[in-house]
Amino acid sequence: MSTPSGLNTRHTADSSSSSRTGSQVWRDRIAPSLLAFALGVALIYGAGFASKVELHNAAHDGRHSAGFPCH
């Protein structure tokens, strides 16, 4: 439905969350959530089993690569 000014007043399927298909919900919400969860688990698991020296060296190298002095 168009108004006299030519603007389209109909709602599209993308603007209404109730008319999303299963693949859109997966792509827009579930997949990013699972990826963030997996990354968080990997970081916590990796940090839990790393030695203090390895964690210090990783943080030290990260500071240098970002341009922050640490000495």
Protein backbone atom coordinates (compact mmCIF):
# COMPACT_ATOMS: atom_id res chain seq x y z
CA MET A 1 0.00 0.00 0.00
CA SER A 2 1.50 3.33 -1.04
CA THR A 3 0.68 6.75 0.30
CA PRO A 4 0.30 9.76 -2.01
CA SER A 5 3.91 10.72 -1.25
CA GLY A 6 5.06 7.33 -2.58
CA LEU A 7 6.14 5.89 0.75
CA ASN A 8 5.53 2.21 1.27
CA THR A 9 3.57 1.66 4.49
CA ARG A 10 3.51 -2.16 4.45
CA HIS A 11 5.68 -4.04 6.90
CA THR A 12 8.15 -6.43 5.37
CA ALA A 13 8.94 -9.87 6.74
CA ASP A 14 12.31 -8.63 8.04
CA SER A 15 10.74 -5.91 10.16
CA SER A 16 8.48 -8.30 12.06
CA SER A 17 10.14 -10.87 14.29
CA SER A 18 6.97 -12.98 14.41
CA SER A 19 7.18 -13.77 10.68
CA ARG A 20 10.81 -14.89 10.64
CA THR A 21 11.58 -18.30 9.29
CA GLY A 22 13.56 -20.88 11.21
CA SER A 23 16.68 -20.32 9.12
CA GLN A 24 16.58 -16.57 9.78
CA VAL A 25 16.29 -17.09 13.52
CA TRP A 26 19.19 -19.57 13.39
CA ARG A 27 21.34 -17.17 11.37
CA ASP A 28 20.49 -14.03 13.33
CA ARG A 29 20.28 -15.26 16.91
CA ILE A 30 21.21 -18.86 17.62
CA ALA A 31 24.43 -19.20 15.59
CA PRO A 32 26.08 -16.04 17.03
CA SER A 33 25.08 -17.08 20.54
CA LEU A 34 26.59 -20.54 20.13
CA LEU A 35 29.76 -19.09 18.62
CA ALA A 36 30.18 -16.64 21.53
CA PHE A 37 29.56 -19.43 24.04
CA ALA A 38 32.11 -21.72 22.35
CA LEU A 39 34.72 -18.95 22.25
CA GLY A 40 34.16 -18.19 25.93
CA VAL A 41 34.47 -21.84 26.91
CA ALA A 42 37.65 -22.19 24.85
CA LEU A 43 39.21 -19.12 26.48
CA ILE A 44 38.32 -20.18 30.01
CA TYR A 45 39.37 -23.80 29.41
CA GLY A 46 42.63 -22.69 27.78
CA ALA A 47 43.45 -20.23 30.55
CA GLY A 48 42.64 -22.79 33.22
CA PHE A 49 45.22 -25.26 31.96
CA ALA A 50 47.91 -22.79 30.92
CA SER A 51 50.86 -22.16 33.19
CA LYS A 52 51.43 -18.75 34.73
CA VAL A 53 54.46 -18.15 32.52
CA GLU A 54 52.46 -18.82 29.34
CA LEU A 55 49.66 -16.48 30.44
CA HIS A 56 52.16 -13.76 31.35
CA ASN A 57 53.94 -14.08 28.02
CA ALA A 58 50.66 -13.97 26.10
CA ALA A 59 49.54 -10.83 27.94
CA HIS A 60 53.00 -9.29 27.53
CA ASP A 61 53.02 -9.95 23.78
CA GLY A 62 49.48 -8.62 23.47
CA ARG A 63 50.44 -5.36 25.17
CA HIS A 64 53.42 -4.93 22.85
CA SER A 65 51.38 -5.68 19.71
CA ALA A 66 48.78 -3.11 20.78
CA GLY A 67 51.53 -0.49 21.26
CA PHE A 68 51.40 -0.25 25.05
CA PRO A 69 54.72 -0.10 26.88
CA CYS A 70 55.04 -2.42 29.84
CA HIS A 71 58.62 -1.92 31.01
